[in-house]
Amino acid sequence: MDGENEFAPAAVAVYGVVLLMAAVAYTILVRFLIALHGKDSTLAAAIGGDLKGYASLAIYVVAVALSFVQSYVSLALYFLVAAIWFIPDRRIEKKVMK
């Protein structure tokens, strides 16, 4: 392969866009659920500011942009988001189990 990156930048970018759209769908779902249950609901209190959700969106946007510069960095950022969500989120469990 003449020392070229085996991950095509366009393919890595498209993969990132798919991940980004899933994150956008999650964000929309959360906002609709909070609107349905009310801003003072247990769900709204459990979700809070949704730092993990918004951080994921930001990381995906940066990773898609970087995919044309360095594919491996983008893939590492995609993995970072997966690792962030792999860590259990106890917010809802803490609010419901009170």
PDB file of N, CA and C in Angstrom:
ATOM      1  N   MET A   1       0.799  -1.186   0.000  1.00  0.00           N
ATOM      2  CA  MET A   1       0.000   0.000   0.000  1.00  0.00           C
ATOM      3  C   MET A   1       0.846   1.255   0.000  1.00  0.00           C
ATOM      4  N   ASP A   2       2.070   1.203  -0.249  1.00  0.00           N
ATOM      5  CA  ASP A   2       2.957   2.361  -0.381  1.00  0.00           C
ATOM      6  C   ASP A   2       2.915   3.291   0.831  1.00  0.00           C
ATOM      7  N   GLY A   3       2.693   2.766   2.032  1.00  0.00           N
ATOM      8  CA  GLY A   3       2.715   3.576   3.237  1.00  0.00           C
ATOM      9  C   GLY A   3       1.491   4.452   3.435  1.00  0.00           C
ATOM     10  N   GLU A   4       0.479   4.294   2.598  1.00  0.00           N
ATOM     11  CA  GLU A   4      -0.719   5.114   2.752  1.00  0.00           C
ATOM     12  C   GLU A   4      -1.585   4.590   3.896  1.00  0.00           C
ATOM     13  N   ASN A   5      -2.406   5.463   4.394  1.00  0.00           N
ATOM     14  CA  ASN A   5      -3.347   5.097   5.433  1.00  0.00           C
ATOM     15  C   ASN A   5      -4.354   4.125   4.844  1.00  0.00           C
ATOM     16  N   GLU A   6      -4.555   2.988   5.506  1.00  0.00           N
ATOM     17  CA  GLU A   6      -5.482   2.007   4.965  1.00  0.00           C
ATOM     18  C   GLU A   6      -6.947   2.378   5.183  1.00  0.00           C
ATOM     19  N   PHE A   7      -7.192   3.380   6.023  1.00  0.00           N
ATOM     20  CA  PHE A   7      -8.552   3.847   6.245  1.00  0.00           C
ATOM     21  C   PHE A   7      -8.802   5.069   5.369  1.00  0.00           C
ATOM     22  N   ALA A   8      -9.628   4.901   4.359  1.00  0.00           N
ATOM     23  CA  ALA A   8      -9.928   5.993   3.446  1.00  0.00           C
ATOM     24  C   ALA A   8     -10.643   7.111   4.195  1.00  0.00           C
ATOM     25  N   PRO A   9     -10.185   8.338   4.038  1.00  0.00           N
ATOM     26  CA  PRO A   9     -10.789   9.454   4.765  1.00  0.00           C
ATOM     27  C   PRO A   9     -12.295   9.590   4.531  1.00  0.00           C
ATOM     28  N   ALA A  10     -12.733   9.373   3.313  1.00  0.00           N
ATOM     29  CA  ALA A  10     -14.168   9.499   3.028  1.00  0.00           C
ATOM     30  C   ALA A  10     -14.971   8.433   3.766  1.00  0.00           C
ATOM     31  N   ALA A  11     -14.451   7.226   3.832  1.00  0.00           N
ATOM     32  CA  ALA A  11     -15.151   6.147   4.531  1.00  0.00           C
ATOM     33  C   ALA A  11     -15.218   6.424   6.031  1.00  0.00           C
ATOM     34  N   VAL A  12     -14.133   6.921   6.591  1.00  0.00           N
ATOM     35  CA  VAL A  12     -14.110   7.256   8.018  1.00  0.00           C
ATOM     36  C   VAL A  12     -15.070   8.412   8.297  1.00  0.00           C
ATOM     37  N   ALA A  13     -15.133   9.369   7.389  1.00  0.00           N
ATOM     38  CA  ALA A  13     -16.054  10.502   7.553  1.00  0.00           C
ATOM     39  C   ALA A  13     -17.511  10.039   7.482  1.00  0.00           C
ATOM     40  N   VAL A  14     -17.825   9.180   6.538  1.00  0.00           N
ATOM     41  CA  VAL A  14     -19.200   8.676   6.408  1.00  0.00           C
ATOM     42  C   VAL A  14     -19.583   7.891   7.651  1.00  0.00           C
ATOM     43  N   TYR A  15     -18.672   7.074   8.155  1.00  0.00           N
ATOM     44  CA  TYR A  15     -18.930   6.336   9.390  1.00  0.00           C
ATOM     45  C   TYR A  15     -19.222   7.314  10.530  1.00  0.00           C
ATOM     46  N   GLY A  16     -18.452   8.371  10.600  1.00  0.00           N
ATOM     47  CA  GLY A  16     -18.655   9.382  11.626  1.00  0.00           C
ATOM     48  C   GLY A  16     -19.988  10.098  11.489  1.00  0.00           C
ATOM     49  N   VAL A  17     -20.390  10.355  10.268  1.00  0.00           N
ATOM     50  CA  VAL A  17     -21.688  11.008  10.038  1.00  0.00           C
ATOM     51  C   VAL A  17     -22.822  10.092  10.510  1.00  0.00           C
ATOM     52  N   VAL A  18     -22.686   8.797  10.271  1.00  0.00           N
ATOM     53  CA  VAL A  18     -23.700   7.849  10.754  1.00  0.00           C
ATOM     54  C   VAL A  18     -23.759   7.884  12.279  1.00  0.00           C
ATOM     55  N   LEU A  19     -22.594   7.877  12.930  1.00  0.00           N
ATOM     56  CA  LEU A  19     -22.553   7.963  14.389  1.00  0.00           C
ATOM     57  C   LEU A  19     -23.134   9.290  14.875  1.00  0.00           C
ATOM     58  N   LEU A  20     -22.798  10.364  14.180  1.00  0.00           N
ATOM     59  CA  LEU A  20     -23.316  11.683  14.541  1.00  0.00           C
ATOM     60  C   LEU A  20     -24.834  11.728  14.427  1.00  0.00           C
ATOM     61  N   MET A  21     -25.388  11.161  13.390  1.00  0.00           N
ATOM     62  CA  MET A  21     -26.841  11.163  13.219  1.00  0.00           C
ATOM     63  C   MET A  21     -27.526  10.343  14.315  1.00  0.00           C
ATOM     64  N   ALA A  22     -26.886   9.251  14.750  1.00  0.00           N
ATOM     65  CA  ALA A  22     -27.443   8.479  15.866  1.00  0.00           C
ATOM     66  C   ALA A  22     -27.430   9.318  17.143  1.00  0.00           C
ATOM     67  N   ALA A  23     -26.367  10.081  17.343  1.00  0.00           N
ATOM     68  CA  ALA A  23     -26.284  10.957  18.519  1.00  0.00           C
ATOM     69  C   ALA A  23     -27.326  12.070  18.447  1.00  0.00           C
ATOM     70  N   VAL A  24     -27.551  12.599  17.265  1.00  0.00           N
ATOM     71  CA  VAL A  24     -28.577  13.628  17.087  1.00  0.00           C
ATOM     72  C   VAL A  24     -29.953  13.036  17.388  1.00  0.00           C
ATOM     73  N   ALA A  25     -30.210  11.831  16.898  1.00  0.00           N
ATOM     74  CA  ALA A  25     -31.495  11.169  17.150  1.00  0.00           C
ATOM     75  C   ALA A  25     -31.694  10.947  18.650  1.00  0.00           C
ATOM     76  N   TYR A  26     -30.651  10.537  19.352  1.00  0.00           N
ATOM     77  CA  TYR A  26     -30.727  10.350  20.800  1.00  0.00           C
ATOM     78  C   TYR A  26     -31.065  11.673  21.491  1.00  0.00           C
ATOM     79  N   THR A  27     -30.397  12.736  21.077  1.00  0.00           N
ATOM     80  CA  THR A  27     -30.627  14.053  21.675  1.00  0.00           C
ATOM     81  C   THR A  27     -32.065  14.510  21.454  1.00  0.00           C
ATOM     82  N   ILE A  28     -32.561  14.320  20.255  1.00  0.00           N
ATOM     83  CA  ILE A  28     -33.950  14.687  19.952  1.00  0.00           C
ATOM     84  C   ILE A  28     -34.913  13.855  20.804  1.00  0.00           C
ATOM     85  N   LEU A  29     -34.663  12.558  20.894  1.00  0.00           N
ATOM     86  CA  LEU A  29     -35.512  11.681  21.700  1.00  0.00           C
ATOM     87  C   LEU A  29     -35.544  12.130  23.157  1.00  0.00           C
ATOM     88  N   VAL A  30     -34.388  12.421  23.714  1.00  0.00           N
ATOM     89  CA  VAL A  30     -34.321  12.857  25.107  1.00  0.00           C
ATOM     90  C   VAL A  30     -35.099  14.153  25.305  1.00  0.00           C
ATOM     91  N   ARG A  31     -34.922  15.100  24.387  1.00  0.00           N
ATOM     92  CA  ARG A  31     -35.629  16.380  24.506  1.00  0.00           C
ATOM     93  C   ARG A  31     -37.147  16.192  24.404  1.00  0.00           C
ATOM     94  N   PHE A  32     -37.609  15.322  23.505  1.00  0.00           N
ATOM     95  CA  PHE A  32     -39.039  15.063  23.376  1.00  0.00           C
ATOM     96  C   PHE A  32     -39.589  14.370  24.620  1.00  0.00           C
ATOM     97  N   LEU A  33     -38.840  13.420  25.172  1.00  0.00           N
ATOM     98  CA  LEU A  33     -39.288  12.736  26.381  1.00  0.00           C
ATOM     99  C   LEU A  33     -39.390  13.698  27.560  1.00  0.00           C
ATOM    100  N   ILE A  34     -38.419  14.589  27.673  1.00  0.00           N
ATOM    101  CA  ILE A  34     -38.462  15.577  28.747  1.00  0.00           C
ATOM    102  C   ILE A  34     -39.645  16.525  28.543  1.00  0.00           C
ATOM    103  N   ALA A  35     -39.890  16.919  27.302  1.00  0.00           N
ATOM    104  CA  ALA A  35     -41.036  17.793  27.020  1.00  0.00           C
ATOM    105  C   ALA A  35     -42.345  17.077  27.343  1.00  0.00           C
ATOM    106  N   LEU A  36     -42.411  15.794  27.061  1.00  0.00           N
ATOM    107  CA  LEU A  36     -43.623  15.013  27.323  1.00  0.00           C
ATOM    108  C   LEU A  36     -43.879  14.865  28.820  1.00  0.00           C
ATOM    109  N   HIS A  37     -42.838  14.606  29.574  1.00  0.00           N
ATOM    110  CA  HIS A  37     -42.986  14.360  31.010  1.00  0.00           C
ATOM    111  C   HIS A  37     -42.889  15.627  31.857  1.00  0.00           C
ATOM    112  N   GLY A  38     -42.413  16.691  31.267  1.00  0.00           N
ATOM    113  CA  GLY A  38     -42.304  17.952  31.998  1.00  0.00           C
ATOM    114  C   GLY A  38     -40.887  18.207  32.502  1.00  0.00           C
ATOM    115  N   LYS A  39     -40.572  19.480  32.594  1.00  0.00           N
ATOM    116  CA  LYS A  39     -39.218  19.867  33.010  1.00  0.00           C
ATOM    117  C   LYS A  39     -38.944  19.579  34.478  1.00  0.00           C
ATOM    118  N   ASP A  40     -40.004  19.341  35.257  1.00  0.00           N
ATOM    119  CA  ASP A  40     -39.840  19.037  36.673  1.00  0.00           C
ATOM    120  C   ASP A  40     -39.964  17.540  36.965  1.00  0.00           C
ATOM    121  N   SER A  41     -39.999  16.727  35.918  1.00  0.00           N
ATOM    122  CA  SER A  41     -40.181  15.291  36.095  1.00  0.00           C
ATOM    123  C   SER A  41     -38.903  14.627  36.609  1.00  0.00           C
ATOM    124  N   THR A  42     -39.079  13.400  37.057  1.00  0.00           N
ATOM    125  CA  THR A  42     -37.937  12.606  37.511  1.00  0.00           C
ATOM    126  C   THR A  42     -36.956  12.382  36.370  1.00  0.00           C
ATOM    127  N   LEU A  43     -37.496  12.148  35.186  1.00  0.00           N
ATOM    128  CA  LEU A  43     -36.628  11.937  34.023  1.00  0.00           C
ATOM    129  C   LEU A  43     -35.795  13.173  33.736  1.00  0.00           C
ATOM    130  N   ALA A  44     -36.410  14.332  33.741  1.00  0.00           N
ATOM    131  CA  ALA A  44     -35.675  15.576  33.476  1.00  0.00           C
ATOM    132  C   ALA A  44     -34.590  15.794  34.525  1.00  0.00           C
ATOM    133  N   ALA A  45     -34.910  15.496  35.783  1.00  0.00           N
ATOM    134  CA  ALA A  45     -33.921  15.643  36.850  1.00  0.00           C
ATOM    135  C   ALA A  45     -32.778  14.652  36.665  1.00  0.00           C
ATOM    136  N   ALA A  46     -33.108  13.440  36.225  1.00  0.00           N
ATOM    137  CA  ALA A  46     -32.083  12.420  36.034  1.00  0.00           C
ATOM    138  C   ALA A  46     -31.171  12.756  34.859  1.00  0.00           C
ATOM    139  N   ILE A  47     -31.736  13.251  33.785  1.00  0.00           N
ATOM    140  CA  ILE A  47     -30.936  13.591  32.597  1.00  0.00           C
ATOM    141  C   ILE A  47     -30.084  14.814  32.870  1.00  0.00           C
ATOM    142  N   GLY A  48     -30.655  15.771  33.577  1.00  0.00           N
ATOM    143  CA  GLY A  48     -29.902  16.982  33.909  1.00  0.00           C
ATOM    144  C   GLY A  48     -29.494  17.736  32.659  1.00  0.00           C
ATOM    145  N   GLY A  49     -28.245  18.153  32.600  1.00  0.00           N
ATOM    146  CA  GLY A  49     -27.736  18.902  31.461  1.00  0.00           C
ATOM    147  C   GLY A  49     -27.297  18.022  30.304  1.00  0.00           C
ATOM    148  N   ASP A  50     -27.302  16.709  30.498  1.00  0.00           N
ATOM    149  CA  ASP A  50     -26.930  15.731  29.474  1.00  0.00           C
ATOM    150  C   ASP A  50     -25.535  15.998  28.912  1.00  0.00           C
ATOM    151  N   LEU A  51     -24.574  16.116  29.808  1.00  0.00           N
ATOM    152  CA  LEU A  51     -23.198  16.380  29.410  1.00  0.00           C
ATOM    153  C   LEU A  51     -22.657  15.315  28.470  1.00  0.00           C
ATOM    154  N   LYS A  52     -22.930  14.045  28.767  1.00  0.00           N
ATOM    155  CA  LYS A  52     -22.430  12.963  27.913  1.00  0.00           C
ATOM    156  C   LYS A  52     -23.002  13.072  26.501  1.00  0.00           C
ATOM    157  N   GLY A  53     -24.272  13.406  26.394  1.00  0.00           N
ATOM    158  CA  GLY A  53     -24.911  13.520  25.084  1.00  0.00           C
ATOM    159  C   GLY A  53     -24.331  14.647  24.257  1.00  0.00           C
ATOM    160  N   TYR A  54     -24.198  15.815  24.873  1.00  0.00           N
ATOM    161  CA  TYR A  54     -23.667  16.959  24.130  1.00  0.00           C
ATOM    162  C   TYR A  54     -22.173  16.820  23.850  1.00  0.00           C
ATOM    163  N   ALA A  55     -21.452  16.202  24.770  1.00  0.00           N
ATOM    164  CA  ALA A  55     -20.021  15.950  24.526  1.00  0.00           C
ATOM    165  C   ALA A  55     -19.852  14.988  23.358  1.00  0.00           C
ATOM    166  N   SER A  56     -20.712  13.980  23.285  1.00  0.00           N
ATOM    167  CA  SER A  56     -20.656  13.031  22.168  1.00  0.00           C
ATOM    168  C   SER A  56     -20.879  13.737  20.837  1.00  0.00           C
ATOM    169  N   LEU A  57     -21.874  14.611  20.796  1.00  0.00           N
ATOM    170  CA  LEU A  57     -22.137  15.369  19.563  1.00  0.00           C
ATOM    171  C   LEU A  57     -20.904  16.178  19.152  1.00  0.00           C
ATOM    172  N   ALA A  58     -20.313  16.871  20.103  1.00  0.00           N
ATOM    173  CA  ALA A  58     -19.154  17.709  19.794  1.00  0.00           C
ATOM    174  C   ALA A  58     -17.969  16.872  19.326  1.00  0.00           C
ATOM    175  N   ILE A  59     -17.723  15.760  19.997  1.00  0.00           N
ATOM    176  CA  ILE A  59     -16.600  14.895  19.611  1.00  0.00           C
ATOM    177  C   ILE A  59     -16.822  14.328  18.215  1.00  0.00           C
ATOM    178  N   TYR A  60     -18.048  13.917  17.912  1.00  0.00           N
ATOM    179  CA  TYR A  60     -18.335  13.394  16.574  1.00  0.00           C
ATOM    180  C   TYR A  60     -18.106  14.454  15.494  1.00  0.00           C
ATOM    181  N   VAL A  61     -18.538  15.674  15.739  1.00  0.00           N
ATOM    182  CA  VAL A  61     -18.337  16.742  14.750  1.00  0.00           C
ATOM    183  C   VAL A  61     -16.844  16.966  14.505  1.00  0.00           C
ATOM    184  N   VAL A  62     -16.071  17.030  15.573  1.00  0.00           N
ATOM    185  CA  VAL A  62     -14.615  17.224  15.445  1.00  0.00           C
ATOM    186  C   VAL A  62     -13.998  16.032  14.711  1.00  0.00           C
ATOM    187  N   ALA A  63     -14.422  14.825  15.062  1.00  0.00           N
ATOM    188  CA  ALA A  63     -13.854  13.629  14.442  1.00  0.00           C
ATOM    189  C   ALA A  63     -14.154  13.556  12.948  1.00  0.00           C
ATOM    190  N   VAL A  64     -15.365  13.925  12.557  1.00  0.00           N
ATOM    191  CA  VAL A  64     -15.695  13.913  11.124  1.00  0.00           C
ATOM    192  C   VAL A  64     -14.813  14.914  10.381  1.00  0.00           C
ATOM    193  N   ALA A  65     -14.636  16.087  10.947  1.00  0.00           N
ATOM    194  CA  ALA A  65     -13.779  17.090  10.300  1.00  0.00           C
ATOM    195  C   ALA A  65     -12.335  16.615  10.219  1.00  0.00           C
ATOM    196  N   LEU A  66     -11.862  15.951  11.259  1.00  0.00           N
ATOM    197  CA  LEU A  66     -10.475  15.473  11.274  1.00  0.00           C
ATOM    198  C   LEU A  66     -10.241  14.247  10.398  1.00  0.00           C
ATOM    199  N   SER A  67     -11.305  13.589   9.988  1.00  0.00           N
ATOM    200  CA  SER A  67     -11.132  12.363   9.206  1.00  0.00           C
ATOM    201  C   SER A  67     -10.400  12.615   7.894  1.00  0.00           C
ATOM    202  N   PHE A  68     -10.477  13.824   7.390  1.00  0.00           N
ATOM    203  CA  PHE A  68      -9.778  14.133   6.143  1.00  0.00           C
ATOM    204  C   PHE A  68      -8.325  14.523   6.383  1.00  0.00           C
ATOM    205  N   VAL A  69      -7.995  14.788   7.643  1.00  0.00           N
ATOM    206  CA  VAL A  69      -6.617  15.140   7.991  1.00  0.00           C
ATOM    207  C   VAL A  69      -5.878  13.902   8.496  1.00  0.00           C
ATOM    208  N   GLN A  70      -6.490  13.200   9.448  1.00  0.00           N
ATOM    209  CA  GLN A  70      -5.873  12.013  10.033  1.00  0.00           C
ATOM    210  C   GLN A  70      -6.972  11.036  10.452  1.00  0.00           C
ATOM    211  N   SER A  71      -7.101   9.978   9.690  1.00  0.00           N
ATOM    212  CA  SER A  71      -8.170   9.008   9.928  1.00  0.00           C
ATOM    213  C   SER A  71      -8.042   8.326  11.287  1.00  0.00           C
ATOM    214  N   TYR A  72      -6.813   8.045  11.686  1.00  0.00           N
ATOM    215  CA  TYR A  72      -6.622   7.345  12.955  1.00  0.00           C
ATOM    216  C   TYR A  72      -7.082   8.184  14.149  1.00  0.00           C
ATOM    217  N   VAL A  73      -6.910   9.474  14.095  1.00  0.00           N
ATOM    218  CA  VAL A  73      -7.373  10.350  15.171  1.00  0.00           C
ATOM    219  C   VAL A  73      -8.899  10.304  15.238  1.00  0.00           C
ATOM    220  N   SER A  74      -9.541  10.343  14.089  1.00  0.00           N
ATOM    221  CA  SER A  74     -10.999  10.259  14.057  1.00  0.00           C
ATOM    222  C   SER A  74     -11.480   8.937  14.635  1.00  0.00           C
ATOM    223  N   LEU A  75     -10.844   7.859  14.262  1.00  0.00           N
ATOM    224  CA  LEU A  75     -11.242   6.554  14.798  1.00  0.00           C
ATOM    225  C   LEU A  75     -11.033   6.494  16.300  1.00  0.00           C
ATOM    226  N   ALA A  76      -9.959   7.101  16.785  1.00  0.00           N
ATOM    227  CA  ALA A  76      -9.716   7.151  18.234  1.00  0.00           C
ATOM    228  C   ALA A  76     -10.808   7.954  18.935  1.00  0.00           C
ATOM    229  N   LEU A  77     -11.257   9.034  18.310  1.00  0.00           N
ATOM    230  CA  LEU A  77     -12.338   9.831  18.902  1.00  0.00           C
ATOM    231  C   LEU A  77     -13.659   9.059  18.902  1.00  0.00           C
ATOM    232  N   TYR A  78     -13.919   8.302  17.843  1.00  0.00           N
ATOM    233  CA  TYR A  78     -15.118   7.468  17.815  1.00  0.00           C
ATOM    234  C   TYR A  78     -15.065   6.448  18.961  1.00  0.00           C
ATOM    235  N   PHE A  79     -13.896   5.868  19.162  1.00  0.00           N
ATOM    236  CA  PHE A  79     -13.714   4.906  20.246  1.00  0.00           C
ATOM    237  C   PHE A  79     -13.890   5.586  21.604  1.00  0.00           C
ATOM    238  N   LEU A  80     -13.410   6.815  21.728  1.00  0.00           N
ATOM    239  CA  LEU A  80     -13.553   7.566  22.976  1.00  0.00           C
ATOM    240  C   LEU A  80     -15.028   7.733  23.348  1.00  0.00           C
ATOM    241  N   VAL A  81     -15.843   8.085  22.377  1.00  0.00           N
ATOM    242  CA  VAL A  81     -17.278   8.252  22.647  1.00  0.00           C
ATOM    243  C   VAL A  81     -17.883   6.917  23.085  1.00  0.00           C
ATOM    244  N   ALA A  82     -17.498   5.839  22.414  1.00  0.00           N
ATOM    245  CA  ALA A  82     -18.006   4.522  22.808  1.00  0.00           C
ATOM    246  C   ALA A  82     -17.582   4.193  24.235  1.00  0.00           C
ATOM    247  N   ALA A  83     -16.358   4.524  24.589  1.00  0.00           N
ATOM    248  CA  ALA A  83     -15.869   4.270  25.951  1.00  0.00           C
ATOM    249  C   ALA A  83     -16.625   5.112  26.972  1.00  0.00           C
ATOM    250  N   ILE A  84     -16.929   6.350  26.614  1.00  0.00           N
ATOM    251  CA  ILE A  84     -17.694   7.217  27.516  1.00  0.00           C
ATOM    252  C   ILE A  84     -19.059   6.598  27.815  1.00  0.00           C
ATOM    253  N   TRP A  85     -19.709   6.060  26.792  1.00  0.00           N
ATOM    254  CA  TRP A  85     -21.042   5.494  26.985  1.00  0.00           C
ATOM    255  C   TRP A  85     -20.989   4.089  27.557  1.00  0.00           C
ATOM    256  N   PHE A  86     -19.846   3.427  27.492  1.00  0.00           N
ATOM    257  CA  PHE A  86     -19.706   2.094  28.077  1.00  0.00           C
ATOM    258  C   PHE A  86     -19.741   2.171  29.594  1.00  0.00           C
ATOM    259  N   ILE A  87     -19.238   3.266  30.130  1.00  0.00           N
ATOM    260  CA  ILE A  87     -19.285   3.488  31.571  1.00  0.00           C
ATOM    261  C   ILE A  87     -20.751   3.698  31.951  1.00  0.00           C
ATOM    262  N   PRO A  88     -21.262   2.906  32.867  1.00  0.00           N
ATOM    263  CA  PRO A  88     -22.690   3.013  33.212  1.00  0.00           C
ATOM    264  C   PRO A  88     -23.071   4.406  33.692  1.00  0.00           C
ATOM    265  N   ASP A  89     -24.229   4.841  33.242  1.00  0.00           N
ATOM    266  CA  ASP A  89     -24.759   6.141  33.625  1.00  0.00           C
ATOM    267  C   ASP A  89     -25.800   5.903  34.709  1.00  0.00           C
ATOM    268  N   ARG A  90     -25.481   6.252  35.912  1.00  0.00           N
ATOM    269  CA  ARG A  90     -26.326   5.937  37.059  1.00  0.00           C
ATOM    270  C   ARG A  90     -27.353   7.021  37.376  1.00  0.00           C
ATOM    271  N   ARG A  91     -27.449   8.061  36.568  1.00  0.00           N
ATOM    272  CA  ARG A  91     -28.349   9.176  36.892  1.00  0.00           C
ATOM    273  C   ARG A  91     -29.800   8.731  37.035  1.00  0.00           C
ATOM    274  N   ILE A  92     -30.301   8.003  36.067  1.00  0.00           N
ATOM    275  CA  ILE A  92     -31.701   7.596  36.094  1.00  0.00           C
ATOM    276  C   ILE A  92     -31.941   6.604  37.234  1.00  0.00           C
ATOM    277  N   GLU A  93     -31.033   5.667  37.379  1.00  0.00           N
ATOM    278  CA  GLU A  93     -31.172   4.670  38.437  1.00  0.00           C
ATOM    279  C   GLU A  93     -31.214   5.328  39.817  1.00  0.00           C
ATOM    280  N   LYS A  94     -30.382   6.316  40.045  1.00  0.00           N
ATOM    281  CA  LYS A  94     -30.355   7.009  41.340  1.00  0.00           C
ATOM    282  C   LYS A  94     -31.666   7.738  41.608  1.00  0.00           C
ATOM    283  N   LYS A  95     -32.235   8.354  40.586  1.00  0.00           N
ATOM    284  CA  LYS A  95     -33.477   9.115  40.753  1.00  0.00           C
ATOM    285  C   LYS A  95     -34.679   8.197  40.946  1.00  0.00           C
ATOM    286  N   VAL A  96     -34.715   7.084  40.235  1.00  0.00           N
ATOM    287  CA  VAL A  96     -35.861   6.185  40.290  1.00  0.00           C
ATOM    288  C   VAL A  96     -35.851   5.344  41.563  1.00  0.00           C
ATOM    289  N   MET A  97     -34.688   4.981  42.040  1.00  0.00           N
ATOM    290  CA  MET A  97     -34.576   4.091  43.201  1.00  0.00           C
ATOM    291  C   MET A  97     -34.689   4.808  44.539  1.00  0.00           C
ATOM    292  N   LYS A  98     -34.942   6.105  44.543  1.00  0.00           N
ATOM    293  CA  LYS A  98     -35.068   6.842  45.804  1.00  0.00           C
ATOM    294  C   LYS A  98     -36.237   6.368  46.606  1.00  0.00           C
TER     295      LYS A  98
END
